[in-house]
């Protein structure tokens, strides 16, 4: 089955994807075309994925023995576009 680590990788990917869609598509459509429906559609799933990413990172910290500096970088990567993809490639493979 899925381990907590594999679930974290999936959530990290989906969180990063939802963030890029929110910033790259939904927000420009909202302000350029005055249509907030895409922000409403993507906002809630992104928020849930963001919270899941943070909670799962806290659960995985002792299991993976991440130093504090690495852990803080993993947490901060969730607010940087494409950050979760970098974390997956560098720390989760």
PDB file of N, CA and C in Angstrom:
ATOM      1  N   UNK A   1       0.833  -1.185   0.000  1.00  0.00           N
ATOM      2  CA  UNK A   1       0.000   0.000   0.000  1.00  0.00           C
ATOM      3  C   UNK A   1       0.878   1.250   0.000  1.00  0.00           C
ATOM      4  N   UNK A   2       0.252   2.370   0.282  1.00  0.00           N
ATOM      5  CA  UNK A   2       0.974   3.631   0.287  1.00  0.00           C
ATOM      6  C   UNK A   2       1.557   3.906   1.670  1.00  0.00           C
ATOM      7  N   UNK A   3       2.794   4.291   1.683  1.00  0.00           N
ATOM      8  CA  UNK A   3       3.404   4.726   2.938  1.00  0.00           C
ATOM      9  C   UNK A   3       3.130   6.219   3.110  1.00  0.00           C
ATOM     10  N   UNK A   4       3.371   6.702   4.302  1.00  0.00           N
ATOM     11  CA  UNK A   4       3.190   8.129   4.578  1.00  0.00           C
ATOM     12  C   UNK A   4       4.094   8.961   3.668  1.00  0.00           C
ATOM     13  N   UNK A   5       5.281   8.438   3.406  1.00  0.00           N
ATOM     14  CA  UNK A   5       6.233   9.124   2.535  1.00  0.00           C
ATOM     15  C   UNK A   5       5.689   9.246   1.114  1.00  0.00           C
ATOM     16  N   UNK A   6       5.120   8.165   0.573  1.00  0.00           N
ATOM     17  CA  UNK A   6       4.560   8.217  -0.783  1.00  0.00           C
ATOM     18  C   UNK A   6       3.343   9.137  -0.857  1.00  0.00           C
ATOM     19  N   UNK A   7       2.542   9.138   0.191  1.00  0.00           N
ATOM     20  CA  UNK A   7       1.406  10.051   0.238  1.00  0.00           C
ATOM     21  C   UNK A   7       1.895  11.493   0.245  1.00  0.00           C
ATOM     22  N   UNK A   8       2.973  11.760   0.986  1.00  0.00           N
ATOM     23  CA  UNK A   8       3.545  13.110   1.014  1.00  0.00           C
ATOM     24  C   UNK A   8       4.023  13.523  -0.373  1.00  0.00           C
ATOM     25  N   UNK A   9       4.647  12.617  -1.097  1.00  0.00           N
ATOM     26  CA  UNK A   9       5.121  12.939  -2.447  1.00  0.00           C
ATOM     27  C   UNK A   9       3.952  13.272  -3.371  1.00  0.00           C
ATOM     28  N   UNK A  10       2.872  12.526  -3.263  1.00  0.00           N
ATOM     29  CA  UNK A  10       1.691  12.781  -4.091  1.00  0.00           C
ATOM     30  C   UNK A  10       1.065  14.129  -3.725  1.00  0.00           C
ATOM     31  N   UNK A  11       0.932  14.381  -2.426  1.00  0.00           N
ATOM     32  CA  UNK A  11       0.361  15.650  -1.973  1.00  0.00           C
ATOM     33  C   UNK A  11       1.260  16.813  -2.405  1.00  0.00           C
ATOM     34  N   UNK A  12       2.572  16.638  -2.316  1.00  0.00           N
ATOM     35  CA  UNK A  12       3.503  17.692  -2.732  1.00  0.00           C
ATOM     36  C   UNK A  12       3.329  18.010  -4.214  1.00  0.00           C
ATOM     37  N   UNK A  13       3.199  16.983  -5.033  1.00  0.00           N
ATOM     38  CA  UNK A  13       2.997  17.202  -6.461  1.00  0.00           C
ATOM     39  C   UNK A  13       1.678  17.937  -6.722  1.00  0.00           C
ATOM     40  N   UNK A  14       0.608  17.457  -6.104  1.00  0.00           N
ATOM     41  CA  UNK A  14      -0.699  18.072  -6.327  1.00  0.00           C
ATOM     42  C   UNK A  14      -0.759  19.495  -5.777  1.00  0.00           C
ATOM     43  N   UNK A  15      -0.107  19.732  -4.635  1.00  0.00           N
ATOM     44  CA  UNK A  15      -0.079  21.086  -4.063  1.00  0.00           C
ATOM     45  C   UNK A  15       0.663  22.034  -4.996  1.00  0.00           C
ATOM     46  N   UNK A  16       1.793  21.586  -5.512  1.00  0.00           N
ATOM     47  CA  UNK A  16       2.548  22.413  -6.448  1.00  0.00           C
ATOM     48  C   UNK A  16       1.778  22.690  -7.722  1.00  0.00           C
ATOM     49  N   UNK A  17       1.118  21.671  -8.242  1.00  0.00           N
ATOM     50  CA  UNK A  17       0.325  21.837  -9.457  1.00  0.00           C
ATOM     51  C   UNK A  17      -0.845  22.792  -9.223  1.00  0.00           C
ATOM     52  N   UNK A  18      -1.536  22.626  -8.104  1.00  0.00           N
ATOM     53  CA  UNK A  18      -2.674  23.513  -7.831  1.00  0.00           C
ATOM     54  C   UNK A  18      -2.218  24.954  -7.637  1.00  0.00           C
ATOM     55  N   UNK A  19      -1.043  25.147  -7.042  1.00  0.00           N
ATOM     56  CA  UNK A  19      -0.504  26.498  -6.837  1.00  0.00           C
ATOM     57  C   UNK A  19      -0.171  27.162  -8.174  1.00  0.00           C
ATOM     58  N   UNK A  20       0.436  26.406  -9.065  1.00  0.00           N
ATOM     59  CA  UNK A  20       0.780  26.948 -10.384  1.00  0.00           C
ATOM     60  C   UNK A  20      -0.490  27.286 -11.168  1.00  0.00           C
ATOM     61  N   UNK A  21      -1.477  26.403 -11.112  1.00  0.00           N
ATOM     62  CA  UNK A  21      -2.748  26.685 -11.805  1.00  0.00           C
ATOM     63  C   UNK A  21      -3.437  27.904 -11.210  1.00  0.00           C
ATOM     64  N   UNK A  22      -3.387  28.012  -9.896  1.00  0.00           N
ATOM     65  CA  UNK A  22      -4.021  29.153  -9.231  1.00  0.00           C
ATOM     66  C   UNK A  22      -3.329  30.462  -9.612  1.00  0.00           C
ATOM     67  N   UNK A  23      -1.998  30.468  -9.585  1.00  0.00           N
ATOM     68  CA  UNK A  23      -1.254  31.690  -9.904  1.00  0.00           C
ATOM     69  C   UNK A  23      -1.189  31.975 -11.398  1.00  0.00           C
ATOM     70  N   UNK A  24      -1.070  30.909 -12.194  1.00  0.00           N
ATOM     71  CA  UNK A  24      -0.845  31.095 -13.622  1.00  0.00           C
ATOM     72  C   UNK A  24      -2.084  31.218 -14.467  1.00  0.00           C
ATOM     73  N   UNK A  25      -3.187  30.657 -14.004  1.00  0.00           N
ATOM     74  CA  UNK A  25      -4.406  30.686 -14.811  1.00  0.00           C
ATOM     75  C   UNK A  25      -5.547  31.399 -14.089  1.00  0.00           C
ATOM     76  N   UNK A  26      -5.867  30.927 -12.890  1.00  0.00           N
ATOM     77  CA  UNK A  26      -7.060  31.436 -12.200  1.00  0.00           C
ATOM     78  C   UNK A  26      -6.954  32.915 -11.841  1.00  0.00           C
ATOM     79  N   UNK A  27      -5.817  33.334 -11.306  1.00  0.00           N
ATOM     80  CA  UNK A  27      -5.675  34.733 -10.900  1.00  0.00           C
ATOM     81  C   UNK A  27      -5.681  35.684 -12.098  1.00  0.00           C
ATOM     82  N   UNK A  28      -4.928  35.391 -13.176  1.00  0.00           N
ATOM     83  CA  UNK A  28      -5.038  36.282 -14.341  1.00  0.00           C
ATOM     84  C   UNK A  28      -6.445  36.345 -14.927  1.00  0.00           C
ATOM     85  N   UNK A  29      -7.141  35.209 -14.968  1.00  0.00           N
ATOM     86  CA  UNK A  29      -8.512  35.220 -15.483  1.00  0.00           C
ATOM     87  C   UNK A  29      -9.394  36.077 -14.587  1.00  0.00           C
ATOM     88  N   UNK A  30      -9.177  35.988 -13.272  1.00  0.00           N
ATOM     89  CA  UNK A  30      -9.989  36.779 -12.340  1.00  0.00           C
ATOM     90  C   UNK A  30      -9.810  38.275 -12.595  1.00  0.00           C
ATOM     91  N   UNK A  31      -8.585  38.711 -12.754  1.00  0.00           N
ATOM     92  CA  UNK A  31      -8.342  40.150 -12.861  1.00  0.00           C
ATOM     93  C   UNK A  31      -8.407  40.685 -14.286  1.00  0.00           C
ATOM     94  N   UNK A  32      -8.069  39.890 -15.270  1.00  0.00           N
ATOM     95  CA  UNK A  32      -8.104  40.372 -16.647  1.00  0.00           C
ATOM     96  C   UNK A  32      -9.482  40.230 -17.292  1.00  0.00           C
ATOM     97  N   UNK A  33     -10.198  39.177 -16.895  1.00  0.00           N
ATOM     98  CA  UNK A  33     -11.512  38.931 -17.495  1.00  0.00           C
ATOM     99  C   UNK A  33     -12.651  39.121 -16.503  1.00  0.00           C
ATOM    100  N   UNK A  34     -12.312  39.553 -15.304  1.00  0.00           N
ATOM    101  CA  UNK A  34     -13.306  39.802 -14.253  1.00  0.00           C
ATOM    102  C   UNK A  34     -14.198  38.571 -14.016  1.00  0.00           C
ATOM    103  N   UNK A  35     -13.529  37.407 -13.928  1.00  0.00           N
ATOM    104  CA  UNK A  35     -14.253  36.137 -13.731  1.00  0.00           C
ATOM    105  C   UNK A  35     -13.607  35.374 -12.573  1.00  0.00           C
ATOM    106  N   UNK A  36     -14.144  35.494 -11.363  1.00  0.00           N
ATOM    107  CA  UNK A  36     -13.523  34.860 -10.200  1.00  0.00           C
ATOM    108  C   UNK A  36     -13.850  33.377 -10.021  1.00  0.00           C
ATOM    109  N   UNK A  37     -14.564  32.772 -10.943  1.00  0.00           N
ATOM    110  CA  UNK A  37     -15.003  31.387 -10.746  1.00  0.00           C
ATOM    111  C   UNK A  37     -13.832  30.410 -10.665  1.00  0.00           C
ATOM    112  N   UNK A  38     -12.751  30.650 -11.402  1.00  0.00           N
ATOM    113  CA  UNK A  38     -11.622  29.722 -11.368  1.00  0.00           C
ATOM    114  C   UNK A  38     -10.863  29.810 -10.047  1.00  0.00           C
ATOM    115  N   UNK A  39     -10.781  30.989  -9.482  1.00  0.00           N
ATOM    116  CA  UNK A  39     -10.148  31.141  -8.170  1.00  0.00           C
ATOM    117  C   UNK A  39     -10.985  30.406  -7.122  1.00  0.00           C
ATOM    118  N   UNK A  40     -12.280  30.534  -7.210  1.00  0.00           N
ATOM    119  CA  UNK A  40     -13.162  29.825  -6.281  1.00  0.00           C
ATOM    120  C   UNK A  40     -13.044  28.321  -6.469  1.00  0.00           C
ATOM    121  N   UNK A  41     -12.922  27.889  -7.711  1.00  0.00           N
ATOM    122  CA  UNK A  41     -12.834  26.468  -8.017  1.00  0.00           C
ATOM    123  C   UNK A  41     -11.516  25.858  -7.538  1.00  0.00           C
ATOM    124  N   UNK A  42     -10.414  26.566  -7.733  1.00  0.00           N
ATOM    125  CA  UNK A  42      -9.096  26.037  -7.379  1.00  0.00           C
ATOM    126  C   UNK A  42      -8.643  26.407  -5.974  1.00  0.00           C
ATOM    127  N   UNK A  43      -9.213  27.430  -5.397  1.00  0.00           N
ATOM    128  CA  UNK A  43      -8.744  27.928  -4.105  1.00  0.00           C
ATOM    129  C   UNK A  43      -8.893  26.946  -2.965  1.00  0.00           C
ATOM    130  N   UNK A  44     -10.061  26.356  -2.827  1.00  0.00           N
ATOM    131  CA  UNK A  44     -10.303  25.423  -1.725  1.00  0.00           C
ATOM    132  C   UNK A  44      -9.452  24.160  -1.829  1.00  0.00           C
ATOM    133  N   UNK A  45      -9.390  23.486  -2.986  1.00  0.00           N
ATOM    134  CA  UNK A  45      -8.517  22.307  -3.066  1.00  0.00           C
ATOM    135  C   UNK A  45      -7.056  22.652  -2.791  1.00  0.00           C
ATOM    136  N   UNK A  46      -6.603  23.804  -3.288  1.00  0.00           N
ATOM    137  CA  UNK A  46      -5.223  24.199  -3.022  1.00  0.00           C
ATOM    138  C   UNK A  46      -5.001  24.417  -1.523  1.00  0.00           C
ATOM    139  N   UNK A  47      -5.936  25.055  -0.863  1.00  0.00           N
ATOM    140  CA  UNK A  47      -5.802  25.280   0.577  1.00  0.00           C
ATOM    141  C   UNK A  47      -5.737  23.985   1.356  1.00  0.00           C
ATOM    142  N   UNK A  48      -6.564  23.026   0.987  1.00  0.00           N
ATOM    143  CA  UNK A  48      -6.554  21.724   1.660  1.00  0.00           C
ATOM    144  C   UNK A  48      -5.238  20.996   1.396  1.00  0.00           C
ATOM    145  N   UNK A  49      -4.772  21.030   0.149  1.00  0.00           N
ATOM    146  CA  UNK A  49      -3.499  20.388  -0.178  1.00  0.00           C
ATOM    147  C   UNK A  49      -2.331  21.068   0.536  1.00  0.00           C
ATOM    148  N   UNK A  50      -2.379  22.389   0.660  1.00  0.00           N
ATOM    149  CA  UNK A  50      -1.337  23.123   1.367  1.00  0.00           C
ATOM    150  C   UNK A  50      -1.280  22.690   2.831  1.00  0.00           C
ATOM    151  N   UNK A  51      -2.435  22.620   3.477  1.00  0.00           N
ATOM    152  CA  UNK A  51      -2.466  22.205   4.883  1.00  0.00           C
ATOM    153  C   UNK A  51      -2.008  20.755   5.040  1.00  0.00           C
ATOM    154  N   UNK A  52      -2.415  19.888   4.119  1.00  0.00           N
ATOM    155  CA  UNK A  52      -1.983  18.485   4.168  1.00  0.00           C
ATOM    156  C   UNK A  52      -0.470  18.384   4.002  1.00  0.00           C
ATOM    157  N   UNK A  53       0.094  19.184   3.104  1.00  0.00           N
ATOM    158  CA  UNK A  53       1.541  19.194   2.883  1.00  0.00           C
ATOM    159  C   UNK A  53       2.280  19.563   4.175  1.00  0.00           C
ATOM    160  N   UNK A  54       1.825  20.604   4.838  1.00  0.00           N
ATOM    161  CA  UNK A  54       2.471  21.060   6.076  1.00  0.00           C
ATOM    162  C   UNK A  54       2.354  20.004   7.166  1.00  0.00           C
ATOM    163  N   UNK A  55       1.167  19.459   7.366  1.00  0.00           N
ATOM    164  CA  UNK A  55       0.950  18.453   8.412  1.00  0.00           C
ATOM    165  C   UNK A  55       1.779  17.198   8.136  1.00  0.00           C
ATOM    166  N   UNK A  56       1.770  16.734   6.894  1.00  0.00           N
ATOM    167  CA  UNK A  56       2.547  15.544   6.557  1.00  0.00           C
ATOM    168  C   UNK A  56       4.047  15.784   6.721  1.00  0.00           C
ATOM    169  N   UNK A  57       4.514  16.982   6.411  1.00  0.00           N
ATOM    170  CA  UNK A  57       5.925  17.294   6.609  1.00  0.00           C
ATOM    171  C   UNK A  57       6.299  17.188   8.091  1.00  0.00           C
ATOM    172  N   UNK A  58       5.414  17.667   8.974  1.00  0.00           N
ATOM    173  CA  UNK A  58       5.680  17.554  10.410  1.00  0.00           C
ATOM    174  C   UNK A  58       5.715  16.097  10.859  1.00  0.00           C
ATOM    175  N   UNK A  59       4.852  15.261  10.296  1.00  0.00           N
ATOM    176  CA  UNK A  59       4.865  13.848  10.647  1.00  0.00           C
ATOM    177  C   UNK A  59       6.108  13.128  10.117  1.00  0.00           C
ATOM    178  N   UNK A  60       6.590  13.565   8.959  1.00  0.00           N
ATOM    179  CA  UNK A  60       7.732  12.895   8.345  1.00  0.00           C
ATOM    180  C   UNK A  60       9.084  13.356   8.882  1.00  0.00           C
ATOM    181  N   UNK A  61       9.138  14.519   9.508  1.00  0.00           N
ATOM    182  CA  UNK A  61      10.414  15.049   9.985  1.00  0.00           C
ATOM    183  C   UNK A  61      11.182  14.051  10.863  1.00  0.00           C
ATOM    184  N   UNK A  62      10.566  13.473  11.904  1.00  0.00           N
ATOM    185  CA  UNK A  62      11.337  12.517  12.711  1.00  0.00           C
ATOM    186  C   UNK A  62      11.631  11.211  11.966  1.00  0.00           C
ATOM    187  N   UNK A  63      10.690  10.790  11.120  1.00  0.00           N
ATOM    188  CA  UNK A  63      10.886   9.536  10.386  1.00  0.00           C
ATOM    189  C   UNK A  63      12.051   9.629   9.406  1.00  0.00           C
ATOM    190  N   UNK A  64      12.171  10.772   8.745  1.00  0.00           N
ATOM    191  CA  UNK A  64      13.217  10.965   7.722  1.00  0.00           C
ATOM    192  C   UNK A  64      14.489  11.587   8.288  1.00  0.00           C
ATOM    193  N   UNK A  65      14.467  11.960   9.561  1.00  0.00           N
ATOM    194  CA  UNK A  65      15.623  12.586  10.228  1.00  0.00           C
ATOM    195  C   UNK A  65      16.122  13.825   9.489  1.00  0.00           C
ATOM    196  N   UNK A  66      15.177  14.670   9.092  1.00  0.00           N
ATOM    197  CA  UNK A  66      15.548  15.899   8.411  1.00  0.00           C
ATOM    198  C   UNK A  66      16.125  16.874   9.421  1.00  0.00           C
ATOM    199  N   UNK A  67      17.275  17.459   9.128  1.00  0.00           N
ATOM    200  CA  UNK A  67      17.779  18.542  10.000  1.00  0.00           C
ATOM    201  C   UNK A  67      16.815  19.732   9.940  1.00  0.00           C
ATOM    202  N   UNK A  68      16.881  20.589  10.927  1.00  0.00           N
ATOM    203  CA  UNK A  68      15.961  21.732  10.992  1.00  0.00           C
ATOM    204  C   UNK A  68      16.044  22.616   9.750  1.00  0.00           C
ATOM    205  N   UNK A  69      17.252  22.821   9.240  1.00  0.00           N
ATOM    206  CA  UNK A  69      17.417  23.663   8.054  1.00  0.00           C
ATOM    207  C   UNK A  69      16.704  23.049   6.841  1.00  0.00           C
ATOM    208  N   UNK A  70      16.852  21.759   6.649  1.00  0.00           N
ATOM    209  CA  UNK A  70      16.179  21.069   5.548  1.00  0.00           C
ATOM    210  C   UNK A  70      14.668  21.117   5.735  1.00  0.00           C
ATOM    211  N   UNK A  71      14.227  20.873   6.955  1.00  0.00           N
ATOM    212  CA  UNK A  71      12.793  20.890   7.252  1.00  0.00           C
ATOM    213  C   UNK A  71      12.195  22.260   6.973  1.00  0.00           C
ATOM    214  N   UNK A  72      12.864  23.305   7.385  1.00  0.00           N
ATOM    215  CA  UNK A  72      12.358  24.659   7.134  1.00  0.00           C
ATOM    216  C   UNK A  72      12.303  24.943   5.630  1.00  0.00           C
ATOM    217  N   UNK A  73      13.299  24.469   4.896  1.00  0.00           N
ATOM    218  CA  UNK A  73      13.287  24.655   3.442  1.00  0.00           C
ATOM    219  C   UNK A  73      12.108  23.912   2.816  1.00  0.00           C
ATOM    220  N   UNK A  74      11.842  22.695   3.292  1.00  0.00           N
ATOM    221  CA  UNK A  74      10.710  21.912   2.775  1.00  0.00           C
ATOM    222  C   UNK A  74       9.399  22.641   3.047  1.00  0.00           C
ATOM    223  N   UNK A  75       9.270  23.229   4.228  1.00  0.00           N
ATOM    224  CA  UNK A  75       8.059  23.990   4.545  1.00  0.00           C
ATOM    225  C   UNK A  75       7.948  25.245   3.682  1.00  0.00           C
ATOM    226  N   UNK A  76       9.035  25.976   3.532  1.00  0.00           N
ATOM    227  CA  UNK A  76       9.010  27.208   2.739  1.00  0.00           C
ATOM    228  C   UNK A  76       8.769  26.944   1.251  1.00  0.00           C
ATOM    229  N   UNK A  77       9.156  25.769   0.790  1.00  0.00           N
ATOM    230  CA  UNK A  77       8.979  25.437  -0.625  1.00  0.00           C
ATOM    231  C   UNK A  77       7.511  25.417  -1.022  1.00  0.00           C
ATOM    232  N   UNK A  78       6.631  25.244  -0.051  1.00  0.00           N
ATOM    233  CA  UNK A  78       5.202  25.189  -0.374  1.00  0.00           C
ATOM    234  C   UNK A  78       4.629  26.551  -0.747  1.00  0.00           C
ATOM    235  N   UNK A  79       5.343  27.631  -0.459  1.00  0.00           N
ATOM    236  CA  UNK A  79       4.846  28.964  -0.819  1.00  0.00           C
ATOM    237  C   UNK A  79       5.600  29.574  -1.994  1.00  0.00           C
ATOM    238  N   UNK A  80       6.537  28.815  -2.555  1.00  0.00           N
ATOM    239  CA  UNK A  80       7.311  29.265  -3.714  1.00  0.00           C
ATOM    240  C   UNK A  80       6.811  28.486  -4.935  1.00  0.00           C
ATOM    241  N   UNK A  81       6.437  29.176  -6.011  1.00  0.00           N
ATOM    242  CA  UNK A  81       6.016  28.439  -7.204  1.00  0.00           C
ATOM    243  C   UNK A  81       7.113  27.465  -7.653  1.00  0.00           C
ATOM    244  N   UNK A  82       6.734  26.267  -7.976  1.00  0.00           N
ATOM    245  CA  UNK A  82       7.614  25.166  -8.376  1.00  0.00           C
ATOM    246  C   UNK A  82       8.486  24.648  -7.226  1.00  0.00           C
ATOM    247  N   UNK A  83       8.304  25.173  -6.016  1.00  0.00           N
ATOM    248  CA  UNK A  83       9.122  24.760  -4.876  1.00  0.00           C
ATOM    249  C   UNK A  83       8.927  23.309  -4.491  1.00  0.00           C
ATOM    250  N   UNK A  84       7.706  22.830  -4.525  1.00  0.00           N
ATOM    251  CA  UNK A  84       7.466  21.440  -4.131  1.00  0.00           C
ATOM    252  C   UNK A  84       8.072  20.462  -5.134  1.00  0.00           C
ATOM    253  N   UNK A  85       8.163  20.871  -6.404  1.00  0.00           N
ATOM    254  CA  UNK A  85       8.792  20.010  -7.400  1.00  0.00           C
ATOM    255  C   UNK A  85      10.296  19.905  -7.138  1.00  0.00           C
ATOM    256  N   UNK A  86      10.895  21.004  -6.746  1.00  0.00           N
ATOM    257  CA  UNK A  86      12.317  20.991  -6.389  1.00  0.00           C
ATOM    258  C   UNK A  86      12.557  20.114  -5.162  1.00  0.00           C
ATOM    259  N   UNK A  87      11.701  20.250  -4.166  1.00  0.00           N
ATOM    260  CA  UNK A  87      11.827  19.443  -2.943  1.00  0.00           C
ATOM    261  C   UNK A  87      11.716  17.961  -3.299  1.00  0.00           C
ATOM    262  N   UNK A  88      10.781  17.610  -4.139  1.00  0.00           N
ATOM    263  CA  UNK A  88      10.617  16.217  -4.529  1.00  0.00           C
ATOM    264  C   UNK A  88      11.888  15.690  -5.191  1.00  0.00           C
ATOM    265  N   UNK A  89      12.439  16.467  -6.065  1.00  0.00           N
ATOM    266  CA  UNK A  89      13.635  16.029  -6.795  1.00  0.00           C
ATOM    267  C   UNK A  89      14.866  15.953  -5.897  1.00  0.00           C
ATOM    268  N   UNK A  90      15.018  16.923  -5.001  1.00  0.00           N
ATOM    269  CA  UNK A  90      16.236  16.983  -4.196  1.00  0.00           C
ATOM    270  C   UNK A  90      16.160  16.141  -2.918  1.00  0.00           C
ATOM    271  N   UNK A  91      15.017  16.156  -2.218  1.00  0.00           N
ATOM    272  CA  UNK A  91      14.944  15.537  -0.895  1.00  0.00           C
ATOM    273  C   UNK A  91      14.070  14.286  -0.823  1.00  0.00           C
ATOM    274  N   UNK A  92      13.207  14.072  -1.783  1.00  0.00           N
ATOM    275  CA  UNK A  92      12.251  12.985  -1.644  1.00  0.00           C
ATOM    276  C   UNK A  92      12.503  11.797  -2.563  1.00  0.00           C
ATOM    277  N   UNK A  93      13.414  11.888  -3.462  1.00  0.00           N
ATOM    278  CA  UNK A  93      13.702  10.755  -4.367  1.00  0.00           C
ATOM    279  C   UNK A  93      14.501   9.696  -3.667  1.00  0.00           C
TER     280      UNK A  93
END
